[in-house]
N, C-alpha and C. Protein backbone atom coordinates (compact mmCIF):
# COMPACT_ATOMS: atom_id res chain seq x y z
N MET A 1 110.10 79.36 74.38
CA MET A 1 111.18 78.37 74.44
C MET A 1 111.83 78.41 75.81
N ALA A 2 112.25 77.26 76.31
CA ALA A 2 112.87 77.17 77.63
C ALA A 2 114.11 78.06 77.68
N LYS A 3 114.28 78.74 78.80
CA LYS A 3 115.43 79.63 78.99
C LYS A 3 116.58 78.79 79.55
N VAL A 4 117.53 78.44 78.69
CA VAL A 4 118.67 77.62 79.08
C VAL A 4 119.95 78.37 78.76
N LYS A 5 120.78 78.59 79.78
CA LYS A 5 122.05 79.25 79.53
C LYS A 5 122.98 78.33 78.76
N PHE A 6 123.66 78.90 77.79
CA PHE A 6 124.58 78.12 76.96
C PHE A 6 125.99 78.65 77.20
N ASP A 7 126.87 77.80 77.72
CA ASP A 7 128.24 78.21 77.94
C ASP A 7 129.18 77.23 77.23
N ILE A 8 129.42 76.09 77.88
CA ILE A 8 130.25 75.06 77.27
C ILE A 8 129.42 73.79 77.10
N LEU A 9 129.38 73.29 75.89
CA LEU A 9 128.65 72.06 75.59
C LEU A 9 129.66 71.01 75.15
N GLU A 10 129.70 69.92 75.88
CA GLU A 10 130.57 68.80 75.52
C GLU A 10 129.69 67.57 75.36
N SER A 11 129.63 67.04 74.16
CA SER A 11 128.66 65.98 73.88
C SER A 11 129.08 65.13 72.69
N THR A 12 128.54 63.92 72.67
CA THR A 12 128.61 63.11 71.46
C THR A 12 127.64 63.72 70.44
N CYS A 13 127.62 63.16 69.24
CA CYS A 13 126.88 63.78 68.13
C CYS A 13 126.00 62.78 67.39
N ILE A 14 125.06 63.32 66.67
CA ILE A 14 124.27 62.53 65.73
C ILE A 14 124.54 63.09 64.34
N PRO A 15 125.10 62.29 63.43
CA PRO A 15 125.45 62.78 62.10
C PRO A 15 124.28 62.66 61.11
N LEU A 16 124.12 63.70 60.32
CA LEU A 16 123.13 63.69 59.23
C LEU A 16 123.84 64.27 58.00
N PRO A 17 124.66 63.46 57.34
CA PRO A 17 125.51 63.95 56.24
C PRO A 17 124.76 64.13 54.92
N LEU A 18 123.70 64.90 54.98
CA LEU A 18 122.89 65.18 53.79
C LEU A 18 122.91 66.67 53.50
N GLU A 19 123.08 67.04 52.25
CA GLU A 19 123.07 68.45 51.89
C GLU A 19 121.66 68.92 51.55
N ASN A 20 121.43 70.23 51.69
CA ASN A 20 120.18 70.87 51.30
C ASN A 20 118.96 70.30 52.02
N VAL A 21 119.10 69.98 53.30
CA VAL A 21 117.95 69.53 54.10
C VAL A 21 117.07 70.74 54.38
N ASP A 22 115.82 70.68 53.91
CA ASP A 22 114.95 71.85 54.06
C ASP A 22 114.03 71.71 55.28
N THR A 23 113.35 72.80 55.58
CA THR A 23 112.54 72.83 56.80
C THR A 23 111.33 71.90 56.74
N ASP A 24 110.88 71.54 55.54
CA ASP A 24 109.77 70.60 55.44
C ASP A 24 110.23 69.18 55.74
N GLN A 25 111.49 68.90 55.50
CA GLN A 25 112.04 67.60 55.87
C GLN A 25 112.32 67.55 57.37
N ILE A 26 112.68 68.70 57.92
CA ILE A 26 112.93 68.77 59.37
C ILE A 26 111.63 68.58 60.14
N ILE A 27 110.58 69.30 59.74
CA ILE A 27 109.25 69.14 60.36
C ILE A 27 108.19 69.32 59.27
N PRO A 28 107.58 68.24 58.80
CA PRO A 28 106.59 68.31 57.72
C PRO A 28 105.44 69.27 58.04
N ALA A 29 104.94 69.91 56.99
CA ALA A 29 103.92 70.95 57.13
C ALA A 29 102.67 70.47 57.86
N ARG A 30 102.35 69.20 57.76
CA ARG A 30 101.11 68.71 58.38
C ARG A 30 101.16 68.72 59.91
N PHE A 31 102.34 68.99 60.46
CA PHE A 31 102.48 69.02 61.93
C PHE A 31 102.61 70.43 62.47
N LEU A 32 102.25 71.43 61.69
CA LEU A 32 102.47 72.81 62.11
C LEU A 32 101.27 73.46 62.78
N SER A 33 100.22 72.70 63.03
CA SER A 33 98.99 73.30 63.56
C SER A 33 98.96 73.42 65.08
N ALA A 34 99.98 72.91 65.76
CA ALA A 34 100.00 72.97 67.23
C ALA A 34 100.06 74.42 67.70
N THR A 35 99.49 74.67 68.87
CA THR A 35 99.43 76.04 69.39
C THR A 35 100.53 76.36 70.39
N SER A 36 101.35 75.37 70.75
CA SER A 36 102.48 75.62 71.64
C SER A 36 103.74 75.04 71.02
N ARG A 37 104.90 75.39 71.58
CA ARG A 37 106.17 74.96 71.01
C ARG A 37 106.58 73.56 71.46
N GLU A 38 105.89 73.03 72.44
CA GLU A 38 106.26 71.71 72.97
C GLU A 38 105.72 70.59 72.08
N GLY A 39 106.41 69.49 72.06
CA GLY A 39 105.95 68.30 71.36
C GLY A 39 106.39 68.18 69.92
N PHE A 40 107.03 69.21 69.38
CA PHE A 40 107.46 69.15 67.99
C PHE A 40 108.57 68.13 67.78
N GLY A 41 109.36 67.87 68.84
CA GLY A 41 110.44 66.92 68.72
C GLY A 41 109.97 65.52 68.35
N ASP A 42 108.73 65.19 68.70
CA ASP A 42 108.19 63.87 68.36
C ASP A 42 108.12 63.66 66.86
N ASN A 43 108.02 64.76 66.12
CA ASN A 43 107.88 64.65 64.66
C ASN A 43 109.08 65.21 63.90
N LEU A 44 110.19 65.37 64.60
CA LEU A 44 111.42 65.79 63.93
C LEU A 44 111.82 64.74 62.90
N PHE A 45 112.06 65.17 61.66
CA PHE A 45 112.41 64.27 60.56
C PHE A 45 111.41 63.11 60.46
N ARG A 46 110.16 63.43 60.67
CA ARG A 46 109.10 62.40 60.76
C ARG A 46 109.12 61.42 59.58
N ASP A 47 109.20 61.94 58.36
CA ASP A 47 109.09 61.06 57.19
C ASP A 47 110.35 60.26 56.93
N TRP A 48 111.41 60.54 57.66
CA TRP A 48 112.64 59.74 57.58
C TRP A 48 112.71 58.77 58.76
N ARG A 49 112.17 59.17 59.90
CA ARG A 49 112.22 58.31 61.09
C ARG A 49 111.24 57.16 61.01
N TYR A 50 110.13 57.37 60.28
CA TYR A 50 109.07 56.35 60.20
C TYR A 50 108.66 56.12 58.76
N ASP A 51 108.18 54.90 58.48
CA ASP A 51 107.68 54.62 57.14
C ASP A 51 106.21 55.03 57.04
N LYS A 52 105.58 54.76 55.91
CA LYS A 52 104.20 55.19 55.68
C LYS A 52 103.21 54.52 56.62
N ASN A 53 103.60 53.40 57.20
CA ASN A 53 102.72 52.69 58.14
C ASN A 53 102.98 53.09 59.60
N GLY A 54 103.88 54.07 59.76
CA GLY A 54 104.19 54.53 61.11
C GLY A 54 105.19 53.66 61.85
N GLU A 55 105.80 52.73 61.13
CA GLU A 55 106.79 51.85 61.73
C GLU A 55 108.17 52.53 61.72
N THR A 56 108.96 52.27 62.73
CA THR A 56 110.29 52.87 62.84
C THR A 56 111.19 52.45 61.69
N ASN A 57 111.83 53.44 61.07
CA ASN A 57 112.80 53.18 60.01
C ASN A 57 114.16 52.95 60.67
N LYS A 58 114.54 51.71 60.83
CA LYS A 58 115.77 51.39 61.55
C LYS A 58 117.02 51.87 60.83
N GLY A 59 116.90 52.23 59.56
CA GLY A 59 118.05 52.70 58.82
C GLY A 59 118.35 54.18 59.01
N PHE A 60 117.44 54.90 59.68
CA PHE A 60 117.66 56.33 59.87
C PHE A 60 118.46 56.57 61.14
N VAL A 61 119.36 57.54 61.09
CA VAL A 61 120.34 57.72 62.16
C VAL A 61 119.73 58.01 63.53
N LEU A 62 118.59 58.72 63.58
CA LEU A 62 117.98 59.00 64.88
C LEU A 62 117.46 57.73 65.55
N ASN A 63 117.29 56.69 64.77
CA ASN A 63 116.83 55.41 65.32
C ASN A 63 117.98 54.43 65.55
N ASN A 64 119.20 54.90 65.32
CA ASN A 64 120.38 54.05 65.48
C ASN A 64 120.92 54.20 66.91
N PRO A 65 120.89 53.15 67.72
CA PRO A 65 121.32 53.25 69.12
C PRO A 65 122.81 53.55 69.29
N LEU A 66 123.59 53.45 68.22
CA LEU A 66 125.01 53.77 68.31
C LEU A 66 125.25 55.26 68.49
N TYR A 67 124.27 56.07 68.05
CA TYR A 67 124.46 57.52 68.07
C TYR A 67 123.52 58.18 69.07
N GLY A 68 124.00 59.25 69.66
CA GLY A 68 123.20 60.03 70.59
C GLY A 68 123.94 61.31 70.94
N GLY A 69 123.30 62.20 71.66
CA GLY A 69 123.97 63.43 72.06
C GLY A 69 123.14 64.66 71.78
N LYS A 70 123.70 65.81 72.15
CA LYS A 70 122.99 67.08 72.05
C LYS A 70 123.44 67.93 70.86
N ILE A 71 124.27 67.33 69.99
CA ILE A 71 124.79 68.05 68.83
C ILE A 71 124.40 67.31 67.55
N LEU A 72 123.73 68.01 66.65
CA LEU A 72 123.39 67.46 65.34
C LEU A 72 124.43 67.95 64.34
N VAL A 73 125.10 67.02 63.69
CA VAL A 73 126.11 67.37 62.69
C VAL A 73 125.48 67.17 61.31
N ALA A 74 125.13 68.27 60.69
CA ALA A 74 124.38 68.23 59.43
C ALA A 74 125.32 68.36 58.23
N GLY A 75 124.72 68.39 57.05
CA GLY A 75 125.47 68.63 55.83
C GLY A 75 125.36 70.10 55.43
N LYS A 76 125.90 70.43 54.28
CA LYS A 76 125.91 71.80 53.79
C LYS A 76 124.50 72.29 53.47
N ASN A 77 124.25 73.58 53.71
CA ASN A 77 122.99 74.24 53.41
C ASN A 77 121.82 73.64 54.19
N PHE A 78 122.02 73.49 55.48
CA PHE A 78 120.98 72.95 56.35
C PHE A 78 119.95 74.02 56.69
N GLY A 79 118.68 73.63 56.67
CA GLY A 79 117.60 74.55 57.05
C GLY A 79 117.12 75.45 55.94
N CYS A 80 117.34 75.04 54.69
CA CYS A 80 116.87 75.84 53.56
C CYS A 80 115.36 75.65 53.40
N GLY A 81 114.77 76.31 52.42
CA GLY A 81 113.33 76.17 52.19
C GLY A 81 112.53 77.24 52.90
N SER A 82 111.32 76.92 53.31
CA SER A 82 110.43 77.90 53.93
C SER A 82 110.99 78.36 55.27
N SER A 83 110.50 79.49 55.74
CA SER A 83 111.09 80.13 56.92
C SER A 83 110.48 79.66 58.24
N ARG A 84 109.80 78.53 58.25
CA ARG A 84 109.09 78.10 59.46
C ARG A 84 109.99 77.96 60.69
N GLU A 85 109.61 78.68 61.74
CA GLU A 85 110.32 78.63 63.01
C GLU A 85 110.16 77.27 63.68
N HIS A 86 109.09 76.56 63.29
CA HIS A 86 108.80 75.25 63.88
C HIS A 86 109.95 74.26 63.70
N ALA A 87 110.75 74.45 62.64
CA ALA A 87 111.89 73.55 62.41
C ALA A 87 112.88 73.62 63.57
N VAL A 88 113.14 74.84 64.02
CA VAL A 88 114.03 75.01 65.16
C VAL A 88 113.39 74.47 66.43
N TRP A 89 112.09 74.73 66.61
CA TRP A 89 111.39 74.21 67.79
C TRP A 89 111.51 72.69 67.87
N ALA A 90 111.38 72.03 66.71
CA ALA A 90 111.44 70.57 66.68
C ALA A 90 112.82 70.06 67.06
N ILE A 91 113.86 70.71 66.53
CA ILE A 91 115.23 70.29 66.83
C ILE A 91 115.54 70.50 68.31
N PHE A 92 115.14 71.65 68.84
CA PHE A 92 115.39 71.96 70.25
C PHE A 92 114.58 71.04 71.16
N ASP A 93 113.32 70.81 70.81
CA ASP A 93 112.44 69.99 71.63
C ASP A 93 112.91 68.53 71.66
N TYR A 94 113.55 68.09 70.59
CA TYR A 94 114.09 66.73 70.54
C TYR A 94 115.25 66.55 71.53
N GLY A 95 115.94 67.64 71.81
CA GLY A 95 117.04 67.58 72.77
C GLY A 95 118.37 68.13 72.28
N PHE A 96 118.41 68.57 71.02
CA PHE A 96 119.65 69.15 70.50
C PHE A 96 119.82 70.57 71.04
N ARG A 97 121.06 70.94 71.30
CA ARG A 97 121.37 72.30 71.74
C ARG A 97 122.27 73.03 70.76
N ALA A 98 122.81 72.28 69.79
CA ALA A 98 123.64 72.90 68.75
C ALA A 98 123.52 72.09 67.46
N VAL A 99 123.66 72.80 66.34
CA VAL A 99 123.69 72.16 65.02
C VAL A 99 124.95 72.64 64.33
N VAL A 100 125.67 71.71 63.74
CA VAL A 100 126.93 72.03 63.07
C VAL A 100 126.78 71.81 61.57
N SER A 101 127.26 72.76 60.79
CA SER A 101 127.22 72.64 59.33
C SER A 101 128.30 73.55 58.76
N SER A 102 128.51 73.43 57.45
CA SER A 102 129.44 74.36 56.79
C SER A 102 128.68 75.57 56.24
N PHE A 103 127.34 75.46 56.22
CA PHE A 103 126.52 76.59 55.75
C PHE A 103 125.07 76.38 56.18
N PHE A 104 124.47 77.44 56.73
CA PHE A 104 123.06 77.42 57.11
C PHE A 104 122.30 78.46 56.28
N ALA A 105 121.03 78.15 56.00
CA ALA A 105 120.16 79.16 55.41
C ALA A 105 120.03 80.30 56.42
N ASP A 106 120.03 81.54 55.94
CA ASP A 106 120.04 82.71 56.82
C ASP A 106 118.87 82.74 57.79
N ILE A 107 117.66 82.48 57.28
CA ILE A 107 116.48 82.55 58.14
C ILE A 107 116.53 81.46 59.21
N PHE A 108 116.98 80.27 58.83
CA PHE A 108 117.10 79.20 59.81
C PHE A 108 118.11 79.58 60.88
N MET A 109 119.22 80.18 60.49
CA MET A 109 120.23 80.57 61.47
C MET A 109 119.66 81.59 62.45
N ASN A 110 118.96 82.58 61.94
CA ASN A 110 118.37 83.61 62.81
C ASN A 110 117.31 83.00 63.73
N ASN A 111 116.48 82.12 63.19
CA ASN A 111 115.47 81.47 64.02
C ASN A 111 116.12 80.64 65.13
N SER A 112 117.24 80.00 64.81
CA SER A 112 117.95 79.20 65.81
C SER A 112 118.45 80.08 66.95
N LEU A 113 119.12 81.16 66.60
CA LEU A 113 119.66 82.06 67.61
C LEU A 113 118.57 82.68 68.47
N ASN A 114 117.41 82.89 67.87
CA ASN A 114 116.29 83.48 68.61
C ASN A 114 115.61 82.49 69.55
N ASN A 115 115.93 81.20 69.40
CA ASN A 115 115.24 80.17 70.18
C ASN A 115 116.18 79.29 70.99
N GLY A 116 117.39 79.76 71.24
CA GLY A 116 118.30 79.05 72.13
C GLY A 116 119.07 77.90 71.51
N LEU A 117 118.98 77.74 70.19
CA LEU A 117 119.71 76.68 69.49
C LEU A 117 120.93 77.31 68.81
N LEU A 118 122.12 76.78 69.10
CA LEU A 118 123.34 77.39 68.57
C LEU A 118 123.73 76.77 67.23
N PRO A 119 123.72 77.56 66.14
CA PRO A 119 124.21 77.07 64.85
C PRO A 119 125.71 77.37 64.74
N VAL A 120 126.51 76.34 64.50
CA VAL A 120 127.96 76.50 64.44
C VAL A 120 128.42 76.20 63.02
N VAL A 121 129.05 77.20 62.40
CA VAL A 121 129.56 77.04 61.04
C VAL A 121 131.05 76.71 61.11
N ILE A 122 131.42 75.58 60.50
CA ILE A 122 132.83 75.18 60.44
C ILE A 122 133.21 74.98 58.97
N PRO A 123 134.50 74.97 58.66
CA PRO A 123 134.94 74.79 57.27
C PRO A 123 134.46 73.45 56.69
N GLU A 124 134.23 73.46 55.39
CA GLU A 124 133.72 72.28 54.70
C GLU A 124 134.62 71.06 54.91
N GLU A 125 135.92 71.24 54.82
CA GLU A 125 136.83 70.11 54.98
C GLU A 125 136.78 69.52 56.38
N LEU A 126 136.63 70.38 57.39
CA LEU A 126 136.54 69.88 58.76
C LEU A 126 135.22 69.16 58.97
N LEU A 127 134.17 69.64 58.33
CA LEU A 127 132.87 68.97 58.44
C LEU A 127 132.95 67.57 57.84
N LYS A 128 133.60 67.44 56.69
CA LYS A 128 133.76 66.13 56.06
C LYS A 128 134.58 65.21 56.96
N LYS A 129 135.62 65.74 57.56
CA LYS A 129 136.45 64.94 58.46
C LYS A 129 135.64 64.47 59.66
N LEU A 130 134.82 65.36 60.20
CA LEU A 130 134.00 65.01 61.35
C LEU A 130 133.01 63.91 61.01
N HIS A 131 132.38 64.00 59.85
CA HIS A 131 131.45 62.95 59.44
C HIS A 131 132.16 61.60 59.30
N GLU A 132 133.37 61.62 58.79
CA GLU A 132 134.13 60.38 58.65
C GLU A 132 134.51 59.83 60.02
N LEU A 133 134.90 60.70 60.94
CA LEU A 133 135.22 60.27 62.30
C LEU A 133 133.99 59.65 62.97
N LEU A 134 132.83 60.26 62.77
CA LEU A 134 131.61 59.75 63.37
C LEU A 134 131.21 58.40 62.76
N ARG A 135 131.51 58.23 61.48
CA ARG A 135 131.23 56.94 60.84
C ARG A 135 132.10 55.85 61.45
N GLN A 136 133.36 56.19 61.71
CA GLN A 136 134.29 55.21 62.27
C GLN A 136 134.09 55.02 63.77
N GLU A 137 133.79 56.11 64.48
CA GLU A 137 133.66 56.07 65.94
C GLU A 137 132.45 56.90 66.37
N PRO A 138 131.29 56.25 66.53
CA PRO A 138 130.05 56.96 66.86
C PRO A 138 130.10 57.76 68.16
N LYS A 139 131.04 57.44 69.06
CA LYS A 139 131.11 58.15 70.34
C LYS A 139 132.06 59.34 70.29
N THR A 140 132.46 59.75 69.10
CA THR A 140 133.29 60.94 68.95
C THR A 140 132.63 62.12 69.67
N THR A 141 133.40 62.83 70.46
CA THR A 141 132.85 63.90 71.29
C THR A 141 133.34 65.27 70.83
N ILE A 142 132.43 66.22 70.87
CA ILE A 142 132.70 67.60 70.46
C ILE A 142 132.60 68.51 71.68
N LYS A 143 133.45 69.51 71.72
CA LYS A 143 133.35 70.56 72.74
C LYS A 143 133.10 71.88 72.05
N ILE A 144 132.02 72.54 72.45
CA ILE A 144 131.68 73.86 71.92
C ILE A 144 131.74 74.85 73.08
N ASP A 145 132.68 75.78 73.00
CA ASP A 145 132.85 76.81 74.02
C ASP A 145 132.32 78.12 73.44
N LEU A 146 131.12 78.51 73.86
CA LEU A 146 130.50 79.71 73.28
C LEU A 146 131.25 80.97 73.66
N GLU A 147 131.68 81.06 74.91
CA GLU A 147 132.40 82.27 75.35
C GLU A 147 133.63 82.51 74.48
N LYS A 148 134.40 81.45 74.22
CA LYS A 148 135.61 81.56 73.40
C LYS A 148 135.33 81.41 71.91
N GLN A 149 134.09 81.05 71.58
CA GLN A 149 133.68 80.79 70.20
C GLN A 149 134.58 79.74 69.56
N ALA A 150 134.80 78.67 70.32
CA ALA A 150 135.72 77.62 69.88
C ALA A 150 134.98 76.30 69.71
N PHE A 151 135.26 75.62 68.60
CA PHE A 151 134.70 74.31 68.28
C PHE A 151 135.85 73.33 68.21
N THR A 152 135.78 72.25 69.01
CA THR A 152 136.90 71.31 69.09
C THR A 152 136.42 69.86 69.01
N ILE A 153 137.09 69.09 68.16
CA ILE A 153 136.89 67.64 68.13
C ILE A 153 137.90 67.06 69.12
N LEU A 154 137.43 66.56 70.23
CA LEU A 154 138.34 66.19 71.32
C LEU A 154 139.29 65.06 70.96
N SER A 155 138.84 64.10 70.19
CA SER A 155 139.70 62.95 69.89
C SER A 155 140.84 63.29 68.92
N SER A 156 140.59 64.21 68.01
CA SER A 156 141.61 64.57 67.00
C SER A 156 142.35 65.84 67.34
N GLY A 157 141.75 66.66 68.19
CA GLY A 157 142.39 67.93 68.53
C GLY A 157 142.10 69.04 67.55
N ASP A 158 141.38 68.75 66.49
CA ASP A 158 141.02 69.80 65.53
C ASP A 158 140.17 70.84 66.22
N SER A 159 140.54 72.11 66.05
CA SER A 159 139.81 73.18 66.71
C SER A 159 139.75 74.41 65.81
N VAL A 160 138.58 75.03 65.74
CA VAL A 160 138.41 76.25 64.96
C VAL A 160 137.53 77.22 65.75
N ARG A 161 137.64 78.49 65.43
CA ARG A 161 136.75 79.49 65.99
C ARG A 161 135.56 79.67 65.06
N PHE A 162 134.41 79.96 65.63
CA PHE A 162 133.22 80.20 64.81
C PHE A 162 132.66 81.59 65.10
N ALA A 163 131.97 82.13 64.13
CA ALA A 163 131.42 83.48 64.25
C ALA A 163 130.01 83.44 64.84
N ILE A 164 129.66 84.51 65.55
CA ILE A 164 128.31 84.64 66.08
C ILE A 164 128.04 86.12 66.35
N ASN A 165 126.82 86.55 66.14
CA ASN A 165 126.43 87.92 66.43
C ASN A 165 126.65 88.19 67.92
N PRO A 166 127.37 89.26 68.28
CA PRO A 166 127.68 89.53 69.69
C PRO A 166 126.45 89.64 70.59
N TYR A 167 125.40 90.26 70.09
CA TYR A 167 124.17 90.38 70.88
C TYR A 167 123.55 89.02 71.15
N LYS A 168 123.47 88.19 70.10
CA LYS A 168 122.89 86.86 70.27
C LYS A 168 123.77 85.98 71.16
N LYS A 169 125.08 86.19 71.09
CA LYS A 169 126.00 85.46 71.97
C LYS A 169 125.68 85.78 73.42
N GLU A 170 125.50 87.07 73.72
CA GLU A 170 125.19 87.47 75.09
C GLU A 170 123.87 86.87 75.55
N CYS A 171 122.87 86.88 74.66
CA CYS A 171 121.57 86.31 75.01
C CYS A 171 121.68 84.82 75.32
N LEU A 172 122.44 84.08 74.52
CA LEU A 172 122.61 82.65 74.74
C LEU A 172 123.36 82.37 76.04
N LEU A 173 124.41 83.14 76.29
CA LEU A 173 125.19 82.94 77.51
C LEU A 173 124.36 83.18 78.77
N LYS A 174 123.42 84.13 78.67
CA LYS A 174 122.61 84.49 79.84
C LYS A 174 121.25 83.80 79.85
N GLY A 175 120.95 83.04 78.80
CA GLY A 175 119.66 82.36 78.73
C GLY A 175 118.50 83.31 78.54
N LEU A 176 118.70 84.34 77.72
CA LEU A 176 117.68 85.37 77.52
C LEU A 176 117.15 85.34 76.09
N ASP A 177 115.85 85.61 75.94
CA ASP A 177 115.33 85.90 74.61
C ASP A 177 115.28 87.43 74.48
N ASP A 178 114.78 87.94 73.36
CA ASP A 178 114.79 89.38 73.13
C ASP A 178 114.02 90.15 74.19
N ILE A 179 112.87 89.62 74.61
CA ILE A 179 112.05 90.30 75.62
C ILE A 179 112.76 90.29 76.97
N ASP A 180 113.33 89.14 77.33
CA ASP A 180 114.09 89.05 78.58
C ASP A 180 115.23 90.06 78.59
N TYR A 181 115.90 90.20 77.45
CA TYR A 181 117.03 91.12 77.37
C TYR A 181 116.57 92.55 77.62
N LEU A 182 115.46 92.93 77.00
CA LEU A 182 114.93 94.28 77.21
C LEU A 182 114.55 94.49 78.67
N LEU A 183 113.93 93.48 79.27
CA LEU A 183 113.55 93.60 80.68
C LEU A 183 114.77 93.73 81.59
N SER A 184 115.87 93.08 81.20
CA SER A 184 117.09 93.19 82.00
C SER A 184 117.69 94.59 81.93
N MET A 185 117.28 95.34 80.91
CA MET A 185 117.76 96.71 80.74
C MET A 185 116.75 97.74 81.24
N LYS A 186 115.74 97.27 81.96
CA LYS A 186 114.63 98.13 82.38
C LYS A 186 115.10 99.37 83.13
N ASP A 187 116.00 99.20 84.10
CA ASP A 187 116.48 100.33 84.90
C ASP A 187 117.21 101.35 84.04
N LYS A 188 118.05 100.86 83.13
CA LYS A 188 118.79 101.77 82.26
C LYS A 188 117.86 102.50 81.31
N ILE A 189 116.83 101.81 80.84
CA ILE A 189 115.86 102.44 79.94
C ILE A 189 115.09 103.52 80.69
N SER A 190 114.66 103.22 81.92
CA SER A 190 113.94 104.20 82.73
C SER A 190 114.81 105.41 83.02
N GLN A 191 116.10 105.14 83.33
CA GLN A 191 117.03 106.23 83.62
C GLN A 191 117.20 107.13 82.39
N TYR A 192 117.30 106.52 81.23
CA TYR A 192 117.42 107.29 80.00
C TYR A 192 116.17 108.12 79.74
N GLU A 193 115.02 107.51 79.94
CA GLU A 193 113.75 108.22 79.71
C GLU A 193 113.62 109.40 80.67
N ASN A 194 114.02 109.22 81.92
CA ASN A 194 113.96 110.32 82.89
C ASN A 194 114.88 111.46 82.51
N THR A 195 116.07 111.09 82.06
CA THR A 195 117.04 112.11 81.62
C THR A 195 116.51 112.87 80.42
N LYS A 196 115.90 112.13 79.51
CA LYS A 196 115.38 112.75 78.29
C LYS A 196 114.24 113.70 78.61
N SER A 197 113.37 113.34 79.56
CA SER A 197 112.22 114.18 79.90
C SER A 197 112.64 115.45 80.60
N ILE A 198 113.78 115.37 81.35
CA ILE A 198 114.28 116.57 82.02
C ILE A 198 114.79 117.58 81.01
N VAL A 199 115.48 117.08 80.00
CA VAL A 199 116.01 117.96 78.95
C VAL A 199 114.86 118.56 78.14
């Protein structure tokens, strides 16, 4: 996955106010045979974006020109179902850098954090308010400050703090995956090993 530092994201949003969206709806199983992580965004929500004849479904939000941005505002229990990492690859490859919900499936949340996609959990009532704001004003803008762990709806002023694993927060801020993080600690690891061998 591309190494992109995540600090402050200020963007309009794409709303998907559906609950229990599973990973097969995010990226259907028939598209999982690719050998690289690139190109999955083309088939994000494939069976909702297109009809059986491959024609664009103009009623689906990703095809609505009123909406755009790097933040996907989902419904409750987003990313449930099978543990396929490809779901996160598809969302990231499409251009999203954060997904907002009131609840994420655990495996999806971990896969997101491991691949540079920030899952932001906000209270259910605030999520409902945000969806209503987006319905009324598609250009509603969100500010996500990872360092401060703050989520803010700029037009209304609603702001909440969100939780994140401290290690994963550091990796996102520095644009590191797990291997990169270990390599960044190479000198300290070598120093520890040398000290241990002397003892």
